[in-house]
Amino acid sequence: MSDAFKSIETGLQEALAHARGERVGTVHEIELPDPDVQAIRARTGLSQSEFARSIGVKKGTLLNWEQRRRSPEGPARVLLALIDKDPQIVQRTLVR
């Protein structure tokens, strides 16, 4: 058997086991520090309105994050961590 076949067969066996409730898939957790949203946005060179639009949140939400009245959660937190590492990632990846 080829390596590709073995890999596909293994994946199918894992999917069937999961469907029967026999196995739980691997969960990868990533610890993210509390983001300094204002500093992250400043590094992008975008205004509050532009930055909010670029990450798909309302300007009011961004203001609450920047003033630490609220904290980003879930996918927004991950996106901010990516932008913190690479301030132009959204523009480079999504803007054509």
PDB file of N, CA and C in Angstrom:
ATOM      1  N   MET A   1       0.825  -1.186   0.000  1.00  0.00           N
ATOM      2  CA  MET A   1       0.000   0.000   0.000  1.00  0.00           C
ATOM      3  C   MET A   1       0.867   1.246   0.000  1.00  0.00           C
ATOM      4  N   SER A   2       0.380   2.274  -0.667  1.00  0.00           N
ATOM      5  CA  SER A   2       1.122   3.531  -0.720  1.00  0.00           C
ATOM      6  C   SER A   2       0.922   4.308   0.581  1.00  0.00           C
ATOM      7  N   ASP A   3       1.834   5.257   0.832  1.00  0.00           N
ATOM      8  CA  ASP A   3       1.697   6.117   2.010  1.00  0.00           C
ATOM      9  C   ASP A   3       0.415   6.934   1.952  1.00  0.00           C
ATOM     10  N   ALA A   4       0.036   7.379   0.750  1.00  0.00           N
ATOM     11  CA  ALA A   4      -1.190   8.163   0.607  1.00  0.00           C
ATOM     12  C   ALA A   4      -2.398   7.322   1.000  1.00  0.00           C
ATOM     13  N   PHE A   5      -2.436   6.067   0.557  1.00  0.00           N
ATOM     14  CA  PHE A   5      -3.553   5.191   0.895  1.00  0.00           C
ATOM     15  C   PHE A   5      -3.622   4.973   2.395  1.00  0.00           C
ATOM     16  N   LYS A   6      -2.466   4.715   3.016  1.00  0.00           N
ATOM     17  CA  LYS A   6      -2.431   4.495   4.465  1.00  0.00           C
ATOM     18  C   LYS A   6      -2.927   5.729   5.223  1.00  0.00           C
ATOM     19  N   SER A   7      -2.534   6.884   4.759  1.00  0.00           N
ATOM     20  CA  SER A   7      -2.962   8.123   5.408  1.00  0.00           C
ATOM     21  C   SER A   7      -4.470   8.317   5.288  1.00  0.00           C
ATOM     22  N   ILE A   8      -5.010   8.066   4.109  1.00  0.00           N
ATOM     23  CA  ILE A   8      -6.457   8.190   3.891  1.00  0.00           C
ATOM     24  C   ILE A   8      -7.202   7.156   4.729  1.00  0.00           C
ATOM     25  N   GLU A   9      -6.705   5.927   4.744  1.00  0.00           N
ATOM     26  CA  GLU A   9      -7.346   4.867   5.521  1.00  0.00           C
ATOM     27  C   GLU A   9      -7.356   5.212   7.015  1.00  0.00           C
ATOM     28  N   THR A  10      -6.255   5.720   7.513  1.00  0.00           N
ATOM     29  CA  THR A  10      -6.171   6.113   8.919  1.00  0.00           C
ATOM     30  C   THR A  10      -7.168   7.220   9.232  1.00  0.00           C
ATOM     31  N   GLY A  11      -7.232   8.207   8.347  1.00  0.00           N
ATOM     32  CA  GLY A  11      -8.178   9.302   8.537  1.00  0.00           C
ATOM     33  C   GLY A  11      -9.620   8.815   8.563  1.00  0.00           C
ATOM     34  N   LEU A  12      -9.958   7.907   7.673  1.00  0.00           N
ATOM     35  CA  LEU A  12     -11.319   7.366   7.633  1.00  0.00           C
ATOM     36  C   LEU A  12     -11.629   6.558   8.890  1.00  0.00           C
ATOM     37  N   GLN A  13     -10.667   5.777   9.362  1.00  0.00           N
ATOM     38  CA  GLN A  13     -10.878   5.009  10.588  1.00  0.00           C
ATOM     39  C   GLN A  13     -11.081   5.939  11.781  1.00  0.00           C
ATOM     40  N   GLU A  14     -10.313   7.033  11.843  1.00  0.00           N
ATOM     41  CA  GLU A  14     -10.472   8.003  12.925  1.00  0.00           C
ATOM     42  C   GLU A  14     -11.834   8.684  12.844  1.00  0.00           C
ATOM     43  N   ALA A  15     -12.284   9.006  11.634  1.00  0.00           N
ATOM     44  CA  ALA A  15     -13.586   9.656  11.464  1.00  0.00           C
ATOM     45  C   ALA A  15     -14.717   8.721  11.892  1.00  0.00           C
ATOM     46  N   LEU A  16     -14.633   7.453  11.526  1.00  0.00           N
ATOM     47  CA  LEU A  16     -15.655   6.483  11.932  1.00  0.00           C
ATOM     48  C   LEU A  16     -15.666   6.297  13.443  1.00  0.00           C
ATOM     49  N   ALA A  17     -14.501   6.214  14.054  1.00  0.00           N
ATOM     50  CA  ALA A  17     -14.421   6.076  15.511  1.00  0.00           C
ATOM     51  C   ALA A  17     -15.042   7.295  16.188  1.00  0.00           C
ATOM     52  N   HIS A  18     -14.748   8.469  15.658  1.00  0.00           N
ATOM     53  CA  HIS A  18     -15.322   9.697  16.221  1.00  0.00           C
ATOM     54  C   HIS A  18     -16.842   9.690  16.089  1.00  0.00           C
ATOM     55  N   ALA A  19     -17.346   9.267  14.934  1.00  0.00           N
ATOM     56  CA  ALA A  19     -18.786   9.224  14.700  1.00  0.00           C
ATOM     57  C   ALA A  19     -19.478   8.258  15.655  1.00  0.00           C
ATOM     58  N   ARG A  20     -18.787   7.199  16.032  1.00  0.00           N
ATOM     59  CA  ARG A  20     -19.349   6.233  16.981  1.00  0.00           C
ATOM     60  C   ARG A  20     -19.141   6.679  18.430  1.00  0.00           C
ATOM     61  N   GLY A  21     -18.463   7.809  18.612  1.00  0.00           N
ATOM     62  CA  GLY A  21     -18.218   8.316  19.963  1.00  0.00           C
ATOM     63  C   GLY A  21     -17.088   7.605  20.671  1.00  0.00           C
ATOM     64  N   GLU A  22     -16.271   6.879  19.938  1.00  0.00           N
ATOM     65  CA  GLU A  22     -15.196   6.095  20.534  1.00  0.00           C
ATOM     66  C   GLU A  22     -13.928   6.905  20.785  1.00  0.00           C
ATOM     67  N   ARG A  23     -13.752   7.961  20.012  1.00  0.00           N
ATOM     68  CA  ARG A  23     -12.513   8.728  20.110  1.00  0.00           C
ATOM     69  C   ARG A  23     -12.810  10.201  19.957  1.00  0.00           C
ATOM     70  N   VAL A  24     -12.041  10.981  20.640  1.00  0.00           N
ATOM     71  CA  VAL A  24     -12.150  12.425  20.490  1.00  0.00           C
ATOM     72  C   VAL A  24     -10.910  12.901  19.758  1.00  0.00           C
ATOM     73  N   GLY A  25     -11.100  13.783  18.805  1.00  0.00           N
ATOM     74  CA  GLY A  25      -9.962  14.313  18.057  1.00  0.00           C
ATOM     75  C   GLY A  25      -9.020  15.111  18.947  1.00  0.00           C
ATOM     76  N   THR A  26      -7.859  15.369  18.449  1.00  0.00           N
ATOM     77  CA  THR A  26      -6.872  16.144  19.172  1.00  0.00           C
ATOM     78  C   THR A  26      -7.238  17.619  19.132  1.00  0.00           C
ATOM     79  N   VAL A  27      -7.197  18.249  20.282  1.00  0.00           N
ATOM     80  CA  VAL A  27      -7.469  19.674  20.368  1.00  0.00           C
ATOM     81  C   VAL A  27      -6.156  20.387  20.664  1.00  0.00           C
ATOM     82  N   HIS A  28      -5.844  21.368  19.842  1.00  0.00           N
ATOM     83  CA  HIS A  28      -4.626  22.143  20.044  1.00  0.00           C
ATOM     84  C   HIS A  28      -5.012  23.481  20.645  1.00  0.00           C
ATOM     85  N   GLU A  29      -4.531  23.729  21.849  1.00  0.00           N
ATOM     86  CA  GLU A  29      -4.832  24.993  22.502  1.00  0.00           C
ATOM     87  C   GLU A  29      -3.614  25.894  22.439  1.00  0.00           C
ATOM     88  N   ILE A  30      -3.867  27.151  22.166  1.00  0.00           N
ATOM     89  CA  ILE A  30      -2.794  28.135  22.082  1.00  0.00           C
ATOM     90  C   ILE A  30      -3.067  29.204  23.119  1.00  0.00           C
ATOM     91  N   GLU A  31      -2.108  29.452  23.979  1.00  0.00           N
ATOM     92  CA  GLU A  31      -2.252  30.503  24.976  1.00  0.00           C
ATOM     93  C   GLU A  31      -1.900  31.837  24.333  1.00  0.00           C
ATOM     94  N   LEU A  32      -2.816  32.786  24.428  1.00  0.00           N
ATOM     95  CA  LEU A  32      -2.593  34.109  23.861  1.00  0.00           C
ATOM     96  C   LEU A  32      -2.607  35.145  24.977  1.00  0.00           C
ATOM     97  N   PRO A  33      -1.628  36.017  25.000  1.00  0.00           N
ATOM     98  CA  PRO A  33      -1.633  37.074  26.013  1.00  0.00           C
ATOM     99  C   PRO A  33      -2.742  38.080  25.721  1.00  0.00           C
ATOM    100  N   ASP A  34      -3.120  38.858  26.738  1.00  0.00           N
ATOM    101  CA  ASP A  34      -4.103  39.923  26.507  1.00  0.00           C
ATOM    102  C   ASP A  34      -3.520  40.898  25.501  1.00  0.00           C
ATOM    103  N   PRO A  35      -4.230  41.137  24.399  1.00  0.00           N
ATOM    104  CA  PRO A  35      -3.679  42.012  23.364  1.00  0.00           C
ATOM    105  C   PRO A  35      -3.774  43.489  23.746  1.00  0.00           C
ATOM    106  N   ASP A  36      -2.757  44.239  23.384  1.00  0.00           N
ATOM    107  CA  ASP A  36      -2.808  45.694  23.496  1.00  0.00           C
ATOM    108  C   ASP A  36      -3.331  46.189  22.155  1.00  0.00           C
ATOM    109  N   VAL A  37      -4.647  46.259  22.046  1.00  0.00           N
ATOM    110  CA  VAL A  37      -5.302  46.517  20.767  1.00  0.00           C
ATOM    111  C   VAL A  37      -4.878  47.863  20.188  1.00  0.00           C
ATOM    112  N   GLN A  38      -4.771  48.874  21.028  1.00  0.00           N
ATOM    113  CA  GLN A  38      -4.382  50.200  20.545  1.00  0.00           C
ATOM    114  C   GLN A  38      -2.984  50.165  19.926  1.00  0.00           C
ATOM    115  N   ALA A  39      -2.050  49.479  20.569  1.00  0.00           N
ATOM    116  CA  ALA A  39      -0.683  49.380  20.034  1.00  0.00           C
ATOM    117  C   ALA A  39      -0.656  48.562  18.748  1.00  0.00           C
ATOM    118  N   ILE A  40      -1.437  47.491  18.703  1.00  0.00           N
ATOM    119  CA  ILE A  40      -1.493  46.660  17.494  1.00  0.00           C
ATOM    120  C   ILE A  40      -2.022  47.482  16.327  1.00  0.00           C
ATOM    121  N   ARG A  41      -3.118  48.218  16.559  1.00  0.00           N
ATOM    122  CA  ARG A  41      -3.686  49.046  15.490  1.00  0.00           C
ATOM    123  C   ARG A  41      -2.704  50.118  15.054  1.00  0.00           C
ATOM    124  N   ALA A  42      -2.014  50.736  16.001  1.00  0.00           N
ATOM    125  CA  ALA A  42      -1.054  51.802  15.670  1.00  0.00           C
ATOM    126  C   ALA A  42       0.040  51.279  14.742  1.00  0.00           C
ATOM    127  N   ARG A  43       0.482  50.042  14.963  1.00  0.00           N
ATOM    128  CA  ARG A  43       1.528  49.472  14.103  1.00  0.00           C
ATOM    129  C   ARG A  43       1.049  49.222  12.685  1.00  0.00           C
ATOM    130  N   THR A  44      -0.264  49.101  12.498  1.00  0.00           N
ATOM    131  CA  THR A  44      -0.776  48.896  11.135  1.00  0.00           C
ATOM    132  C   THR A  44      -0.826  50.206  10.358  1.00  0.00           C
ATOM    133  N   GLY A  45      -0.835  51.341  11.089  1.00  0.00           N
ATOM    134  CA  GLY A  45      -0.936  52.644  10.435  1.00  0.00           C
ATOM    135  C   GLY A  45      -2.350  53.002  10.019  1.00  0.00           C
ATOM    136  N   LEU A  46      -3.336  52.233  10.482  1.00  0.00           N
ATOM    137  CA  LEU A  46      -4.726  52.473  10.105  1.00  0.00           C
ATOM    138  C   LEU A  46      -5.444  53.286  11.179  1.00  0.00           C
ATOM    139  N   SER A  47      -6.437  54.057  10.740  1.00  0.00           N
ATOM    140  CA  SER A  47      -7.296  54.770  11.687  1.00  0.00           C
ATOM    141  C   SER A  47      -8.173  53.742  12.398  1.00  0.00           C
ATOM    142  N   GLN A  48      -8.871  54.176  13.429  1.00  0.00           N
ATOM    143  CA  GLN A  48      -9.771  53.264  14.128  1.00  0.00           C
ATOM    144  C   GLN A  48     -10.845  52.723  13.182  1.00  0.00           C
ATOM    145  N   SER A  49     -11.430  53.604  12.382  1.00  0.00           N
ATOM    146  CA  SER A  49     -12.471  53.159  11.445  1.00  0.00           C
ATOM    147  C   SER A  49     -11.926  52.160  10.436  1.00  0.00           C
ATOM    148  N   GLU A  50     -10.761  52.462   9.871  1.00  0.00           N
ATOM    149  CA  GLU A  50     -10.159  51.570   8.872  1.00  0.00           C
ATOM    150  C   GLU A  50      -9.809  50.218   9.489  1.00  0.00           C
ATOM    151  N   PHE A  51      -9.223  50.246  10.671  1.00  0.00           N
ATOM    152  CA  PHE A  51      -8.817  49.002  11.324  1.00  0.00           C
ATOM    153  C   PHE A  51     -10.046  48.159  11.668  1.00  0.00           C
ATOM    154  N   ALA A  52     -11.074  48.799  12.222  1.00  0.00           N
ATOM    155  CA  ALA A  52     -12.293  48.068  12.571  1.00  0.00           C
ATOM    156  C   ALA A  52     -12.879  47.394  11.328  1.00  0.00           C
ATOM    157  N   ARG A  53     -12.969  48.140  10.224  1.00  0.00           N
ATOM    158  CA  ARG A  53     -13.492  47.561   8.972  1.00  0.00           C
ATOM    159  C   ARG A  53     -12.615  46.406   8.498  1.00  0.00           C
ATOM    160  N   SER A  54     -11.299  46.567   8.621  1.00  0.00           N
ATOM    161  CA  SER A  54     -10.391  45.542   8.088  1.00  0.00           C
ATOM    162  C   SER A  54     -10.483  44.223   8.833  1.00  0.00           C
ATOM    163  N   ILE A  55     -10.903  44.261  10.110  1.00  0.00           N
ATOM    164  CA  ILE A  55     -11.017  43.012  10.859  1.00  0.00           C
ATOM    165  C   ILE A  55     -12.467  42.597  11.092  1.00  0.00           C
ATOM    166  N   GLY A  56     -13.404  43.355  10.515  1.00  0.00           N
ATOM    167  CA  GLY A  56     -14.810  42.965  10.548  1.00  0.00           C
ATOM    168  C   GLY A  56     -15.525  43.195  11.863  1.00  0.00           C
ATOM    169  N   VAL A  57     -15.152  44.264  12.575  1.00  0.00           N
ATOM    170  CA  VAL A  57     -15.870  44.612  13.809  1.00  0.00           C
ATOM    171  C   VAL A  57     -16.364  46.054  13.713  1.00  0.00           C
ATOM    172  N   LYS A  58     -17.315  46.394  14.556  1.00  0.00           N
ATOM    173  CA  LYS A  58     -17.805  47.761  14.599  1.00  0.00           C
ATOM    174  C   LYS A  58     -16.769  48.652  15.276  1.00  0.00           C
ATOM    175  N   LYS A  59     -16.759  49.915  14.889  1.00  0.00           N
ATOM    176  CA  LYS A  59     -15.818  50.857  15.483  1.00  0.00           C
ATOM    177  C   LYS A  59     -16.017  50.927  16.997  1.00  0.00           C
ATOM    178  N   GLY A  60     -17.256  50.873  17.467  1.00  0.00           N
ATOM    179  CA  GLY A  60     -17.530  50.902  18.906  1.00  0.00           C
ATOM    180  C   GLY A  60     -16.901  49.730  19.637  1.00  0.00           C
ATOM    181  N   THR A  61     -16.903  48.569  19.000  1.00  0.00           N
ATOM    182  CA  THR A  61     -16.259  47.390  19.588  1.00  0.00           C
ATOM    183  C   THR A  61     -14.765  47.636  19.729  1.00  0.00           C
ATOM    184  N   LEU A  62     -14.156  48.165  18.672  1.00  0.00           N
ATOM    185  CA  LEU A  62     -12.728  48.471  18.702  1.00  0.00           C
ATOM    186  C   LEU A  62     -12.421  49.480  19.807  1.00  0.00           C
ATOM    187  N   LEU A  63     -13.238  50.515  19.921  1.00  0.00           N
ATOM    188  CA  LEU A  63     -13.023  51.522  20.968  1.00  0.00           C
ATOM    189  C   LEU A  63     -13.075  50.881  22.351  1.00  0.00           C
ATOM    190  N   ASN A  64     -14.037  49.998  22.565  1.00  0.00           N
ATOM    191  CA  ASN A  64     -14.136  49.312  23.854  1.00  0.00           C
ATOM    192  C   ASN A  64     -12.897  48.464  24.135  1.00  0.00           C
ATOM    193  N   TRP A  65     -12.374  47.812  23.108  1.00  0.00           N
ATOM    194  CA  TRP A  65     -11.147  47.036  23.291  1.00  0.00           C
ATOM    195  C   TRP A  65      -9.975  47.941  23.614  1.00  0.00           C
ATOM    196  N   GLU A  66      -9.842  49.024  22.846  1.00  0.00           N
ATOM    197  CA  GLU A  66      -8.706  49.924  23.049  1.00  0.00           C
ATOM    198  C   GLU A  66      -8.750  50.586  24.421  1.00  0.00           C
ATOM    199  N   GLN A  67      -9.935  50.876  24.916  1.00  0.00           N
ATOM    200  CA  GLN A  67     -10.071  51.519  26.223  1.00  0.00           C
ATOM    201  C   GLN A  67     -10.211  50.491  27.345  1.00  0.00           C
ATOM    202  N   ARG A  68     -10.040  49.227  26.997  1.00  0.00           N
ATOM    203  CA  ARG A  68     -10.055  48.102  27.932  1.00  0.00           C
ATOM    204  C   ARG A  68     -11.346  47.972  28.735  1.00  0.00           C
ATOM    205  N   ARG A  69     -12.442  48.457  28.151  1.00  0.00           N
ATOM    206  CA  ARG A  69     -13.751  48.234  28.772  1.00  0.00           C
ATOM    207  C   ARG A  69     -14.242  46.825  28.456  1.00  0.00           C
ATOM    208  N   ARG A  70     -13.804  46.303  27.317  1.00  0.00           N
ATOM    209  CA  ARG A  70     -14.118  44.935  26.890  1.00  0.00           C
ATOM    210  C   ARG A  70     -12.825  44.310  26.400  1.00  0.00           C
ATOM    211  N   SER A  71     -12.853  42.988  26.287  1.00  0.00           N
ATOM    212  CA  SER A  71     -11.671  42.271  25.812  1.00  0.00           C
ATOM    213  C   SER A  71     -12.066  41.386  24.634  1.00  0.00           C
ATOM    214  N   PRO A  72     -11.264  41.379  23.573  1.00  0.00           N
ATOM    215  CA  PRO A  72     -11.584  40.505  22.433  1.00  0.00           C
ATOM    216  C   PRO A  72     -11.547  39.041  22.861  1.00  0.00           C
ATOM    217  N   GLU A  73     -12.412  38.263  22.253  1.00  0.00           N
ATOM    218  CA  GLU A  73     -12.507  36.837  22.569  1.00  0.00           C
ATOM    219  C   GLU A  73     -12.381  36.004  21.302  1.00  0.00           C
ATOM    220  N   GLY A  74     -12.103  34.746  21.467  1.00  0.00           N
ATOM    221  CA  GLY A  74     -12.132  33.764  20.392  1.00  0.00           C
ATOM    222  C   GLY A  74     -11.359  34.158  19.147  1.00  0.00           C
ATOM    223  N   PRO A  75     -12.020  34.081  17.972  1.00  0.00           N
ATOM    224  CA  PRO A  75     -11.343  34.350  16.709  1.00  0.00           C
ATOM    225  C   PRO A  75     -10.758  35.759  16.622  1.00  0.00           C
ATOM    226  N   ALA A  76     -11.420  36.737  17.247  1.00  0.00           N
ATOM    227  CA  ALA A  76     -10.891  38.106  17.206  1.00  0.00           C
ATOM    228  C   ALA A  76      -9.544  38.171  17.917  1.00  0.00           C
ATOM    229  N   ARG A  77      -9.425  37.446  18.992  1.00  0.00           N
ATOM    230  CA  ARG A  77      -8.166  37.421  19.756  1.00  0.00           C
ATOM    231  C   ARG A  77      -7.039  36.784  18.933  1.00  0.00           C
ATOM    232  N   VAL A  78      -7.384  35.724  18.224  1.00  0.00           N
ATOM    233  CA  VAL A  78      -6.397  35.057  17.364  1.00  0.00           C
ATOM    234  C   VAL A  78      -5.981  35.991  16.230  1.00  0.00           C
ATOM    235  N   LEU A  79      -6.965  36.639  15.600  1.00  0.00           N
ATOM    236  CA  LEU A  79      -6.663  37.569  14.513  1.00  0.00           C
ATOM    237  C   LEU A  79      -5.759  38.699  15.000  1.00  0.00           C
ATOM    238  N   LEU A  80      -6.048  39.246  16.165  1.00  0.00           N
ATOM    239  CA  LEU A  80      -5.210  40.315  16.709  1.00  0.00           C
ATOM    240  C   LEU A  80      -3.790  39.824  16.993  1.00  0.00           C
ATOM    241  N   ALA A  81      -3.652  38.585  17.457  1.00  0.00           N
ATOM    242  CA  ALA A  81      -2.320  38.021  17.691  1.00  0.00           C
ATOM    243  C   ALA A  81      -1.549  37.909  16.378  1.00  0.00           C
ATOM    244  N   LEU A  82      -2.236  37.515  15.304  1.00  0.00           N
ATOM    245  CA  LEU A  82      -1.587  37.439  13.993  1.00  0.00           C
ATOM    246  C   LEU A  82      -1.151  38.823  13.516  1.00  0.00           C
ATOM    247  N   ILE A  83      -2.033  39.804  13.681  1.00  0.00           N
ATOM    248  CA  ILE A  83      -1.719  41.169  13.259  1.00  0.00           C
ATOM    249  C   ILE A  83      -0.577  41.727  14.099  1.00  0.00           C
ATOM    250  N   ASP A  84      -0.533  41.354  15.375  1.00  0.00           N
ATOM    251  CA  ASP A  84       0.555  41.796  16.252  1.00  0.00           C
ATOM    252  C   ASP A  84       1.900  41.294  15.727  1.00  0.00           C
ATOM    253  N   LYS A  85       1.928  40.074  15.229  1.00  0.00           N
ATOM    254  CA  LYS A  85       3.168  39.491  14.675  1.00  0.00           C
ATOM    255  C   LYS A  85       3.507  40.048  13.301  1.00  0.00           C
ATOM    256  N   ASP A  86       2.458  40.353  12.515  1.00  0.00           N
ATOM    257  CA  ASP A  86       2.646  40.814  11.136  1.00  0.00           C
ATOM    258  C   ASP A  86       1.576  41.868  10.835  1.00  0.00           C
ATOM    259  N   PRO A  87       1.859  43.143  11.127  1.00  0.00           N
ATOM    260  CA  PRO A  87       0.846  44.198  11.011  1.00  0.00           C
ATOM    261  C   PRO A  87       0.177  44.332   9.636  1.00  0.00           C
ATOM    262  N   GLN A  88       0.776  43.839   8.591  1.00  0.00           N
ATOM    263  CA  GLN A  88       0.179  43.973   7.255  1.00  0.00           C
ATOM    264  C   GLN A  88      -0.472  42.679   6.758  1.00  0.00           C
ATOM    265  N   ILE A  89      -0.626  41.689   7.640  1.00  0.00           N
ATOM    266  CA  ILE A  89      -1.137  40.386   7.202  1.00  0.00           C
ATOM    267  C   ILE A  89      -2.527  40.463   6.580  1.00  0.00           C
ATOM    268  N   VAL A  90      -3.417  41.265   7.147  1.00  0.00           N
ATOM    269  CA  VAL A  90      -4.784  41.345   6.612  1.00  0.00           C
ATOM    270  C   VAL A  90      -4.762  41.999   5.232  1.00  0.00           C
ATOM    271  N   GLN A  91      -4.102  43.138   5.123  1.00  0.00           N
ATOM    272  CA  GLN A  91      -4.072  43.831   3.822  1.00  0.00           C
ATOM    273  C   GLN A  91      -3.381  42.976   2.760  1.00  0.00           C
ATOM    274  N   ARG A  92      -2.280  42.356   3.119  1.00  0.00           N
ATOM    275  CA  ARG A  92      -1.536  41.560   2.155  1.00  0.00           C
ATOM    276  C   ARG A  92      -2.306  40.312   1.726  1.00  0.00           C
ATOM    277  N   THR A  93      -3.040  39.740   2.656  1.00  0.00           N
ATOM    278  CA  THR A  93      -3.722  38.488   2.382  1.00  0.00           C
ATOM    279  C   THR A  93      -5.082  38.668   1.735  1.00  0.00           C
ATOM    280  N   LEU A  94      -5.843  39.670   2.183  1.00  0.00           N
ATOM    281  CA  LEU A  94      -7.229  39.798   1.730  1.00  0.00           C
ATOM    282  C   LEU A  94      -7.479  40.894   0.711  1.00  0.00           C
ATOM    283  N   VAL A  95      -6.647  41.929   0.672  1.00  0.00           N
ATOM    284  CA  VAL A  95      -6.868  43.042  -0.257  1.00  0.00           C
ATOM    285  C   VAL A  95      -6.183  42.717  -1.561  1.00  0.00           C
ATOM    286  N   ARG A  96      -6.926  42.851  -2.631  1.00  0.00           N
ATOM    287  CA  ARG A  96      -6.350  42.540  -3.952  1.00  0.00           C
ATOM    288  C   ARG A  96      -6.123  43.806  -4.716  1.00  0.00           C
TER     289      ARG A  96
END
